[in-house]
Amino acid sequence: MSAINPSTEKEFLFTEKDFQFLTQLVHEKTGISLNAEKRELVYGRLAKRLRELGLKSFDPYCELLKRDDEHEVVQFINAITTNVTHFFREIHHFEFLESTLLPAIIKEKSTSYQPKLRIWSAGCSSGNEPYSIAMVLRECMTNLTRWDAKILATDLDSNILEVAKNGIYPAASLTTVSERRKKRWFKNGSGANEGIVKISQDIKDLVSYKQLNLMDPWPMAGLFDFIFCRNVAIYFDNETREKIIDRFADRLTDNGYLFVGHSETLFGVTSRFECVGKTIYRKVV
């Protein structure tokens, strides 16, 4: 089999057979579908791993994965998984939370003795999304202490979840955060930590992180008031996407909301949601 990337041009020999095995394994483990256009992405994401293992080509790496080495399968999934995010990404979602959804929830539930609010950030990456949700929540719910409010944040990548749990970021990553929010919800590092910021404990306390493969059973009990799953379903094939969206509907309260990514749509995917705004959907009861 000839190499797609000859060794004279690329560091590692990467054949069509290697690529087909790796994309099949990705789909089997995560539901993510990678077409031929993603060949360079797969090479780039895994080249670092081959160097760490001291391998000269992709063939022995594929053999290692075929042995179902649990540690390496996790490293493989972590390397392939896309983790691109920033605070208040797709700002219109957070404006909708602040102006429309959270005020409606507060009005509906505030008469209860201890009103409950459950939120899920699926595919949370490095924590920017759930922490952004938590900031809006703190700002809208001035009497949050009487609420039983929790944000569940899940991701497939175990390494990126550690970043999220720590809540420590380069100060330069706060370009999409207002000065007001920077002052209120972030602590600036000093000395050796200059240029680093840490998320406020008040924000961290609202979020719990769990590793979860959306293809596996979901162990959470109860229903969510709204779910963020943005720029995740685009990596699934149509059949997998339909199943995931249907499962989200099952886990939402009546008239619960699902927020998806800027390049995603539920049109033609499901009849269980109605579009109520730009990439904002409400469950149909």
C-alpha atoms as a PDB file:
ATOM      1  CA  MET A   1       0.000   0.000   0.000  1.00  0.00           C
ATOM      2  CA  SER A   2       1.479   3.323  -0.983  1.00  0.00           C
ATOM      3  CA  ALA A   3       1.606   6.102   1.561  1.00  0.00           C
ATOM      4  CA  ILE A   4      -0.750   9.033   1.313  1.00  0.00           C
ATOM      5  CA  ASN A   5       2.014  11.148   2.781  1.00  0.00           C
ATOM      6  CA  PRO A   6       5.394   9.827   1.560  1.00  0.00           C
ATOM      7  CA  SER A   7       8.106   9.806   4.193  1.00  0.00           C
ATOM      8  CA  THR A   8      10.063  12.303   2.094  1.00  0.00           C
ATOM      9  CA  GLU A   9       7.311  14.860   2.682  1.00  0.00           C
ATOM     10  CA  LYS A  10       5.893  13.871   6.073  1.00  0.00           C
ATOM     11  CA  GLU A  11       7.499  12.738   9.287  1.00  0.00           C
ATOM     12  CA  PHE A  12       5.353   9.592   9.584  1.00  0.00           C
ATOM     13  CA  LEU A  13       4.154   7.109   6.985  1.00  0.00           C
ATOM     14  CA  PHE A  14       0.355   7.340   6.874  1.00  0.00           C
ATOM     15  CA  THR A  15      -1.453   4.953   4.552  1.00  0.00           C
ATOM     16  CA  GLU A  16      -5.047   4.800   3.400  1.00  0.00           C
ATOM     17  CA  LYS A  17      -5.422   1.643   5.480  1.00  0.00           C
ATOM     18  CA  ASP A  18      -4.257   3.541   8.592  1.00  0.00           C
ATOM     19  CA  PHE A  19      -6.671   6.396   7.899  1.00  0.00           C
ATOM     20  CA  GLN A  20      -9.640   4.094   7.339  1.00  0.00           C
ATOM     21  CA  PHE A  21      -8.966   2.186  10.560  1.00  0.00           C
ATOM     22  CA  LEU A  22      -8.614   5.368  12.626  1.00  0.00           C
ATOM     23  CA  THR A  23     -11.773   6.999  11.262  1.00  0.00           C
ATOM     24  CA  GLN A  24     -13.725   3.788  11.821  1.00  0.00           C
ATOM     25  CA  LEU A  25     -12.465   3.629  15.416  1.00  0.00           C
ATOM     26  CA  VAL A  26     -13.391   7.277  16.006  1.00  0.00           C
ATOM     27  CA  HIS A  27     -16.910   6.613  14.780  1.00  0.00           C
ATOM     28  CA  GLU A  28     -17.224   3.446  16.849  1.00  0.00           C
ATOM     29  CA  LYS A  29     -16.048   5.116  20.059  1.00  0.00           C
ATOM     30  CA  THR A  30     -17.587   8.577  19.715  1.00  0.00           C
ATOM     31  CA  GLY A  31     -20.059   8.662  16.841  1.00  0.00           C
ATOM     32  CA  ILE A  32     -17.932  11.317  15.115  1.00  0.00           C
ATOM     33  CA  SER A  33     -17.730  10.921  11.336  1.00  0.00           C
ATOM     34  CA  LEU A  34     -14.518  12.028   9.610  1.00  0.00           C
ATOM     35  CA  ASN A  35     -14.435  12.101   5.809  1.00  0.00           C
ATOM     36  CA  ALA A  36     -11.439  12.151   3.472  1.00  0.00           C
ATOM     37  CA  GLU A  37     -11.161  15.927   3.865  1.00  0.00           C
ATOM     38  CA  LYS A  38     -10.168  15.371   7.502  1.00  0.00           C
ATOM     39  CA  ARG A  39      -7.115  13.256   6.631  1.00  0.00           C
ATOM     40  CA  GLU A  40      -4.628  16.040   7.376  1.00  0.00           C
ATOM     41  CA  LEU A  41      -6.446  16.855  10.608  1.00  0.00           C
ATOM     42  CA  VAL A  42      -6.137  13.241  11.779  1.00  0.00           C
ATOM     43  CA  TYR A  43      -2.439  13.182  10.850  1.00  0.00           C
ATOM     44  CA  GLY A  44      -1.757  16.472  12.617  1.00  0.00           C
ATOM     45  CA  ARG A  45      -3.644  15.555  15.784  1.00  0.00           C
ATOM     46  CA  LEU A  46      -1.885  12.182  16.151  1.00  0.00           C
ATOM     47  CA  ALA A  47       1.643  13.038  15.023  1.00  0.00           C
ATOM     48  CA  LYS A  48       2.487  14.411  18.470  1.00  0.00           C
ATOM     49  CA  ARG A  49       1.270  11.172  20.057  1.00  0.00           C
ATOM     50  CA  LEU A  50       3.484   9.092  17.753  1.00  0.00           C
ATOM     51  CA  ARG A  51       6.493  11.181  18.764  1.00  0.00           C
ATOM     52  CA  GLU A  52       5.708  10.674  22.448  1.00  0.00           C
ATOM     53  CA  LEU A  53       5.524   6.919  21.908  1.00  0.00           C
ATOM     54  CA  GLY A  54       8.700   6.829  19.819  1.00  0.00           C
ATOM     55  CA  LEU A  55       6.928   5.331  16.788  1.00  0.00           C
ATOM     56  CA  LYS A  56       8.147   5.728  13.209  1.00  0.00           C
ATOM     57  CA  SER A  57       4.835   5.274  11.366  1.00  0.00           C
ATOM     58  CA  PHE A  58       1.082   4.976  11.935  1.00  0.00           C
ATOM     59  CA  ASP A  59       1.001   1.211  11.416  1.00  0.00           C
ATOM     60  CA  PRO A  60       2.342   0.251  14.889  1.00  0.00           C
ATOM     61  CA  TYR A  61       0.120   2.904  16.429  1.00  0.00           C
ATOM     62  CA  CYS A  62      -2.936   1.335  14.815  1.00  0.00           C
ATOM     63  CA  GLU A  63      -1.790  -2.057  16.098  1.00  0.00           C
ATOM     64  CA  LEU A  64      -1.619  -0.617  19.616  1.00  0.00           C
ATOM     65  CA  LEU A  65      -5.203   0.634  19.329  1.00  0.00           C
ATOM     66  CA  LYS A  66      -6.324  -2.709  17.912  1.00  0.00           C
ATOM     67  CA  ARG A  67      -5.142  -4.354  21.141  1.00  0.00           C
ATOM     68  CA  ASP A  68      -7.727  -2.098  22.841  1.00  0.00           C
ATOM     69  CA  ASP A  69      -5.131  -0.573  25.139  1.00  0.00           C
ATOM     70  CA  GLU A  70      -7.460   1.375  27.444  1.00  0.00           C
ATOM     71  CA  HIS A  71      -4.991   4.168  28.200  1.00  0.00           C
ATOM     72  CA  GLU A  72      -4.083   4.694  24.570  1.00  0.00           C
ATOM     73  CA  VAL A  73      -7.696   4.649  23.387  1.00  0.00           C
ATOM     74  CA  VAL A  74      -8.380   7.519  25.821  1.00  0.00           C
ATOM     75  CA  GLN A  75      -5.324   9.422  24.561  1.00  0.00           C
ATOM     76  CA  PHE A  76      -6.432   8.799  20.977  1.00  0.00           C
ATOM     77  CA  ILE A  77      -9.943  10.164  21.612  1.00  0.00           C
ATOM     78  CA  ASN A  78      -8.531  13.173  23.469  1.00  0.00           C
ATOM     79  CA  ALA A  79      -6.216  13.962  20.546  1.00  0.00           C
ATOM     80  CA  ILE A  80      -8.932  13.740  17.905  1.00  0.00           C
ATOM     81  CA  THR A  81     -11.632  15.625  19.790  1.00  0.00           C
ATOM     82  CA  THR A  82     -11.953  19.264  18.757  1.00  0.00           C
ATOM     83  CA  ASN A  83     -11.712  21.797  21.601  1.00  0.00           C
ATOM     84  CA  VAL A  84     -12.231  25.281  20.179  1.00  0.00           C
ATOM     85  CA  THR A  85     -14.146  27.684  22.392  1.00  0.00           C
ATOM     86  CA  HIS A  86     -14.079  31.059  24.117  1.00  0.00           C
ATOM     87  CA  PHE A  87     -16.110  32.951  26.711  1.00  0.00           C
ATOM     88  CA  PHE A  88     -19.554  34.097  25.523  1.00  0.00           C
ATOM     89  CA  ARG A  89     -19.101  32.451  22.148  1.00  0.00           C
ATOM     90  CA  GLU A  90     -22.186  33.149  20.009  1.00  0.00           C
ATOM     91  CA  ILE A  91     -23.199  36.024  22.248  1.00  0.00           C
ATOM     92  CA  HIS A  92     -26.841  36.016  21.081  1.00  0.00           C
ATOM     93  CA  HIS A  93     -27.413  32.832  23.109  1.00  0.00           C
ATOM     94  CA  PHE A  94     -26.370  34.543  26.317  1.00  0.00           C
ATOM     95  CA  GLU A  95     -28.372  37.645  25.480  1.00  0.00           C
ATOM     96  CA  PHE A  96     -31.424  35.398  25.050  1.00  0.00           C
ATOM     97  CA  LEU A  97     -30.724  33.794  28.445  1.00  0.00           C
ATOM     98  CA  GLU A  98     -30.466  37.192  30.097  1.00  0.00           C
ATOM     99  CA  SER A  99     -33.387  38.943  28.413  1.00  0.00           C
ATOM    100  CA  THR A 100     -35.901  36.139  27.861  1.00  0.00           C
ATOM    101  CA  LEU A 101     -35.334  32.632  29.177  1.00  0.00           C
ATOM    102  CA  LEU A 102     -34.034  33.191  32.705  1.00  0.00           C
ATOM    103  CA  PRO A 103     -36.617  35.906  33.532  1.00  0.00           C
ATOM    104  CA  ALA A 104     -39.358  33.502  32.368  1.00  0.00           C
ATOM    105  CA  ILE A 105     -37.959  30.666  34.504  1.00  0.00           C
ATOM    106  CA  ILE A 106     -37.657  32.959  37.532  1.00  0.00           C
ATOM    107  CA  LYS A 107     -41.252  34.104  37.128  1.00  0.00           C
ATOM    108  CA  GLU A 108     -42.533  30.553  36.723  1.00  0.00           C
ATOM    109  CA  LYS A 109     -40.605  28.897  39.553  1.00  0.00           C
ATOM    110  CA  SER A 110     -39.906  31.585  42.145  1.00  0.00           C
ATOM    111  CA  THR A 111     -43.106  30.873  44.082  1.00  0.00           C
ATOM    112  CA  SER A 112     -41.742  27.447  45.059  1.00  0.00           C
ATOM    113  CA  TYR A 113     -40.089  27.029  48.464  1.00  0.00           C
ATOM    114  CA  GLN A 114     -36.751  26.046  46.906  1.00  0.00           C
ATOM    115  CA  PRO A 115     -37.078  26.347  43.141  1.00  0.00           C
ATOM    116  CA  LYS A 116     -34.886  24.029  41.094  1.00  0.00           C
ATOM    117  CA  LEU A 117     -32.931  24.868  37.963  1.00  0.00           C
ATOM    118  CA  ARG A 118     -30.953  22.293  35.984  1.00  0.00           C
ATOM    119  CA  ILE A 119     -28.696  23.150  33.044  1.00  0.00           C
ATOM    120  CA  TRP A 120     -26.475  20.926  30.905  1.00  0.00           C
ATOM    121  CA  SER A 121     -23.476  22.077  28.881  1.00  0.00           C
ATOM    122  CA  ALA A 122     -22.733  19.085  26.631  1.00  0.00           C
ATOM    123  CA  GLY A 123     -19.343  19.268  24.943  1.00  0.00           C
ATOM    124  CA  CYS A 124     -18.146  21.875  27.427  1.00  0.00           C
ATOM    125  CA  SER A 125     -14.491  21.807  26.317  1.00  0.00           C
ATOM    126  CA  SER A 126     -12.249  23.965  28.565  1.00  0.00           C
ATOM    127  CA  GLY A 127     -15.152  25.330  30.606  1.00  0.00           C
ATOM    128  CA  ASN A 128     -15.669  28.670  28.875  1.00  0.00           C
ATOM    129  CA  GLU A 129     -19.272  27.836  27.966  1.00  0.00           C
ATOM    130  CA  PRO A 130     -20.576  26.628  31.367  1.00  0.00           C
ATOM    131  CA  TYR A 131     -18.740  29.420  33.171  1.00  0.00           C
ATOM    132  CA  SER A 132     -20.312  31.952  30.777  1.00  0.00           C
ATOM    133  CA  ILE A 133     -23.733  30.475  31.573  1.00  0.00           C
ATOM    134  CA  ALA A 134     -22.947  30.659  35.293  1.00  0.00           C
ATOM    135  CA  MET A 135     -21.993  34.338  35.064  1.00  0.00           C
ATOM    136  CA  VAL A 136     -25.308  35.206  33.419  1.00  0.00           C
ATOM    137  CA  LEU A 137     -27.105  33.092  36.006  1.00  0.00           C
ATOM    138  CA  ARG A 138     -25.448  34.918  38.905  1.00  0.00           C
ATOM    139  CA  GLU A 139     -26.255  38.284  37.373  1.00  0.00           C
ATOM    140  CA  CYS A 140     -29.923  37.469  36.667  1.00  0.00           C
ATOM    141  CA  MET A 141     -30.679  35.661  39.901  1.00  0.00           C
ATOM    142  CA  THR A 142     -29.662  38.064  42.645  1.00  0.00           C
ATOM    143  CA  ASN A 143     -31.276  35.798  45.251  1.00  0.00           C
ATOM    144  CA  LEU A 144     -29.656  32.626  43.950  1.00  0.00           C
ATOM    145  CA  THR A 145     -29.076  31.252  47.460  1.00  0.00           C
ATOM    146  CA  ARG A 146     -32.705  30.176  47.728  1.00  0.00           C
ATOM    147  CA  TRP A 147     -32.480  28.296  44.434  1.00  0.00           C
ATOM    148  CA  ASP A 148     -31.296  24.739  43.892  1.00  0.00           C
ATOM    149  CA  ALA A 149     -29.381  25.669  40.745  1.00  0.00           C
ATOM    150  CA  LYS A 150     -26.778  23.433  39.129  1.00  0.00           C
ATOM    151  CA  ILE A 151     -24.935  23.348  35.824  1.00  0.00           C
ATOM    152  CA  LEU A 152     -23.686  19.975  34.611  1.00  0.00           C
ATOM    153  CA  ALA A 153     -20.769  20.252  32.179  1.00  0.00           C
ATOM    154  CA  THR A 154     -19.631  17.184  30.244  1.00  0.00           C
ATOM    155  CA  ASP A 155     -17.050  16.427  27.613  1.00  0.00           C
ATOM    156  CA  LEU A 156     -15.442  13.415  26.002  1.00  0.00           C
ATOM    157  CA  ASP A 157     -11.883  14.709  26.457  1.00  0.00           C
ATOM    158  CA  SER A 158     -10.574  13.926  29.947  1.00  0.00           C
ATOM    159  CA  ASN A 159      -7.563  16.246  29.559  1.00  0.00           C
ATOM    160  CA  ILE A 160      -9.592  19.307  28.641  1.00  0.00           C
ATOM    161  CA  LEU A 161     -11.932  18.656  31.585  1.00  0.00           C
ATOM    162  CA  GLU A 162      -8.995  19.138  33.957  1.00  0.00           C
ATOM    163  CA  VAL A 163      -8.431  22.576  32.439  1.00  0.00           C
ATOM    164  CA  ALA A 164     -12.120  23.345  32.933  1.00  0.00           C
ATOM    165  CA  LYS A 165     -12.137  22.194  36.554  1.00  0.00           C
ATOM    166  CA  ASN A 166      -9.146  24.398  37.392  1.00  0.00           C
ATOM    167  CA  GLY A 167     -10.810  27.484  35.919  1.00  0.00           C
ATOM    168  CA  ILE A 168      -7.461  29.131  35.162  1.00  0.00           C
ATOM    169  CA  TYR A 169      -6.976  30.898  31.811  1.00  0.00           C
ATOM    170  CA  PRO A 170      -4.608  33.256  30.004  1.00  0.00           C
ATOM    171  CA  ALA A 171      -5.765  36.832  30.537  1.00  0.00           C
ATOM    172  CA  ALA A 172      -5.579  37.259  26.755  1.00  0.00           C
ATOM    173  CA  SER A 173      -8.439  34.775  26.373  1.00  0.00           C
ATOM    174  CA  LEU A 174     -10.873  37.247  27.976  1.00  0.00           C
ATOM    175  CA  THR A 175     -11.178  39.467  24.904  1.00  0.00           C
ATOM    176  CA  THR A 176     -14.883  38.571  24.580  1.00  0.00           C
ATOM    177  CA  VAL A 177     -15.616  39.318  28.265  1.00  0.00           C
ATOM    178  CA  SER A 178     -16.823  42.790  29.246  1.00  0.00           C
ATOM    179  CA  GLU A 179     -14.718  44.881  31.644  1.00  0.00           C
ATOM    180  CA  ARG A 180     -17.563  44.700  34.143  1.00  0.00           C
ATOM    181  CA  ARG A 181     -17.511  40.910  34.113  1.00  0.00           C
ATOM    182  CA  LYS A 182     -13.727  40.747  34.205  1.00  0.00           C
ATOM    183  CA  LYS A 183     -13.697  42.785  37.408  1.00  0.00           C
ATOM    184  CA  ARG A 184     -16.557  40.885  39.008  1.00  0.00           C
ATOM    185  CA  TRP A 185     -15.889  37.274  38.064  1.00  0.00           C
ATOM    186  CA  PHE A 186     -12.122  36.918  37.531  1.00  0.00           C
ATOM    187  CA  LYS A 187      -9.099  37.276  39.768  1.00  0.00           C
ATOM    188  CA  ASN A 188      -5.866  38.471  38.180  1.00  0.00           C
ATOM    189  CA  GLY A 189      -2.651  36.647  38.952  1.00  0.00           C
ATOM    190  CA  SER A 190       0.439  38.501  40.129  1.00  0.00           C
ATOM    191  CA  GLY A 191       4.151  37.861  40.169  1.00  0.00           C
ATOM    192  CA  ALA A 192       4.890  34.532  38.509  1.00  0.00           C
ATOM    193  CA  ASN A 193       1.172  34.265  37.664  1.00  0.00           C
ATOM    194  CA  GLU A 194       0.951  37.605  35.898  1.00  0.00           C
ATOM    195  CA  GLY A 195      -1.046  37.289  32.681  1.00  0.00           C
ATOM    196  CA  ILE A 196      -3.154  34.505  34.201  1.00  0.00           C
ATOM    197  CA  VAL A 197      -6.717  34.819  35.525  1.00  0.00           C
ATOM    198  CA  LYS A 198      -8.780  32.548  37.736  1.00  0.00           C
ATOM    199  CA  ILE A 199     -12.544  32.230  37.646  1.00  0.00           C
ATOM    200  CA  SER A 200     -14.409  33.326  40.783  1.00  0.00           C
ATOM    201  CA  GLN A 201     -15.298  30.607  43.272  1.00  0.00           C
ATOM    202  CA  ASP A 202     -18.914  31.823  43.175  1.00  0.00           C
ATOM    203  CA  ILE A 203     -18.976  30.844  39.499  1.00  0.00           C
ATOM    204  CA  LYS A 204     -17.079  27.579  39.932  1.00  0.00           C
ATOM    205  CA  ASP A 205     -19.483  26.456  42.657  1.00  0.00           C
ATOM    206  CA  LEU A 206     -22.374  26.396  40.178  1.00  0.00           C
ATOM    207  CA  VAL A 207     -20.672  23.961  37.788  1.00  0.00           C
ATOM    208  CA  SER A 208     -19.847  20.270  38.128  1.00  0.00           C
ATOM    209  CA  TYR A 209     -17.751  18.471  35.512  1.00  0.00           C
ATOM    210  CA  LYS A 210     -18.106  14.889  34.328  1.00  0.00           C
ATOM    211  CA  GLN A 211     -16.558  12.922  31.488  1.00  0.00           C
ATOM    212  CA  LEU A 212     -19.258  11.625  29.167  1.00  0.00           C
ATOM    213  CA  ASN A 213     -19.385  10.061  25.735  1.00  0.00           C
ATOM    214  CA  LEU A 214     -22.714  11.090  24.201  1.00  0.00           C
ATOM    215  CA  MET A 215     -22.866   7.679  22.508  1.00  0.00           C
ATOM    216  CA  ASP A 216     -22.953   5.918  25.893  1.00  0.00           C
ATOM    217  CA  PRO A 217     -25.852   5.688  28.377  1.00  0.00           C
ATOM    218  CA  TRP A 218     -26.495   8.972  30.178  1.00  0.00           C
ATOM    219  CA  PRO A 219     -26.437   8.391  33.955  1.00  0.00           C
ATOM    220  CA  MET A 220     -28.030  11.716  34.941  1.00  0.00           C
ATOM    221  CA  ALA A 221     -31.345  11.605  36.769  1.00  0.00           C
ATOM    222  CA  GLY A 222     -34.066  14.198  36.301  1.00  0.00           C
ATOM    223  CA  LEU A 223     -34.773  16.702  33.556  1.00  0.00           C
ATOM    224  CA  PHE A 224     -32.973  19.842  32.395  1.00  0.00           C
ATOM    225  CA  ASP A 225     -34.529  23.257  31.873  1.00  0.00           C
ATOM    226  CA  PHE A 226     -32.169  23.929  28.982  1.00  0.00           C
ATOM    227  CA  ILE A 227     -29.233  22.287  27.260  1.00  0.00           C
ATOM    228  CA  PHE A 228     -26.296  23.772  25.387  1.00  0.00           C
ATOM    229  CA  CYS A 229     -24.819  21.406  22.793  1.00  0.00           C
ATOM    230  CA  ARG A 230     -23.074  23.632  20.302  1.00  0.00           C
ATOM    231  CA  ASN A 231     -20.831  22.602  17.412  1.00  0.00           C
ATOM    232  CA  VAL A 232     -20.873  18.980  18.536  1.00  0.00           C
ATOM    233  CA  ALA A 233     -23.592  17.294  16.467  1.00  0.00           C
ATOM    234  CA  ILE A 234     -21.994  18.502  13.218  1.00  0.00           C
ATOM    235  CA  TYR A 235     -19.372  15.785  13.652  1.00  0.00           C
ATOM    236  CA  PHE A 236     -21.997  13.007  13.723  1.00  0.00           C
ATOM    237  CA  ASP A 237     -23.526  11.264  10.737  1.00  0.00           C
ATOM    238  CA  ASN A 238     -27.240  11.856  10.132  1.00  0.00           C
ATOM    239  CA  GLU A 239     -28.445   8.723  11.932  1.00  0.00           C
ATOM    240  CA  THR A 240     -26.341   9.410  15.023  1.00  0.00           C
ATOM    241  CA  ARG A 241     -27.341  13.087  15.034  1.00  0.00           C
ATOM    242  CA  GLU A 242     -31.045  12.199  14.978  1.00  0.00           C
ATOM    243  CA  LYS A 243     -30.625   9.802  17.902  1.00  0.00           C
ATOM    244  CA  ILE A 244     -28.693  12.326  19.989  1.00  0.00           C
ATOM    245  CA  ILE A 245     -31.206  15.121  19.367  1.00  0.00           C
ATOM    246  CA  ASP A 246     -34.070  12.766  20.260  1.00  0.00           C
ATOM    247  CA  ARG A 247     -32.321  11.860  23.510  1.00  0.00           C
ATOM    248  CA  PHE A 248     -31.885  15.547  24.318  1.00  0.00           C
ATOM    249  CA  ALA A 249     -35.627  16.038  23.869  1.00  0.00           C
ATOM    250  CA  ASP A 250     -36.265  13.191  26.313  1.00  0.00           C
ATOM    251  CA  ARG A 251     -34.038  14.891  28.906  1.00  0.00           C
ATOM    252  CA  LEU A 252     -35.680  18.315  28.707  1.00  0.00           C
ATOM    253  CA  THR A 253     -38.624  19.622  30.713  1.00  0.00           C
ATOM    254  CA  ASP A 254     -41.794  20.494  28.834  1.00  0.00           C
ATOM    255  CA  ASN A 255     -40.969  23.543  26.713  1.00  0.00           C
ATOM    256  CA  GLY A 256     -37.276  23.111  27.585  1.00  0.00           C
ATOM    257  CA  TYR A 257     -34.698  24.740  25.322  1.00  0.00           C
ATOM    258  CA  LEU A 258     -31.822  23.378  23.224  1.00  0.00           C
ATOM    259  CA  PHE A 259     -29.041  25.699  22.029  1.00  0.00           C
ATOM    260  CA  VAL A 260     -26.989  24.495  19.051  1.00  0.00           C
ATOM    261  CA  GLY A 261     -23.999  25.855  17.142  1.00  0.00           C
ATOM    262  CA  HIS A 262     -23.942  28.577  14.486  1.00  0.00           C
ATOM    263  CA  SER A 263     -23.539  26.070  11.631  1.00  0.00           C
ATOM    264  CA  GLU A 264     -26.136  23.616  12.932  1.00  0.00           C
ATOM    265  CA  THR A 265     -29.853  23.261  12.324  1.00  0.00           C
ATOM    266  CA  LEU A 266     -32.570  20.883  13.474  1.00  0.00           C
ATOM    267  CA  PHE A 267     -34.553  21.420  10.269  1.00  0.00           C
ATOM    268  CA  GLY A 268     -35.140  18.029   8.696  1.00  0.00           C
ATOM    269  CA  VAL A 269     -33.552  16.304  11.708  1.00  0.00           C
ATOM    270  CA  THR A 270     -36.444  16.179  14.183  1.00  0.00           C
ATOM    271  CA  SER A 271     -40.023  17.321  14.692  1.00  0.00           C
ATOM    272  CA  ARG A 272     -39.623  17.481  18.465  1.00  0.00           C
ATOM    273  CA  PHE A 273     -38.310  21.052  18.509  1.00  0.00           C
ATOM    274  CA  GLU A 274     -39.459  24.380  17.103  1.00  0.00           C
ATOM    275  CA  CYS A 275     -37.066  27.185  16.220  1.00  0.00           C
ATOM    276  CA  VAL A 276     -37.623  30.276  18.373  1.00  0.00           C
ATOM    277  CA  GLY A 277     -34.471  32.212  17.531  1.00  0.00           C
ATOM    278  CA  LYS A 278     -31.101  31.996  15.863  1.00  0.00           C
ATOM    279  CA  THR A 279     -29.970  28.400  16.623  1.00  0.00           C
ATOM    280  CA  ILE A 280     -32.335  28.352  19.627  1.00  0.00           C
ATOM    281  CA  TYR A 281     -34.960  25.602  19.806  1.00  0.00           C
ATOM    282  CA  ARG A 282     -37.837  24.866  22.181  1.00  0.00           C
ATOM    283  CA  LYS A 283     -39.136  21.381  22.831  1.00  0.00           C
ATOM    284  CA  VAL A 284     -42.563  20.722  21.345  1.00  0.00           C
ATOM    285  CA  VAL A 285     -44.956  19.257  23.913  1.00  0.00           C
END
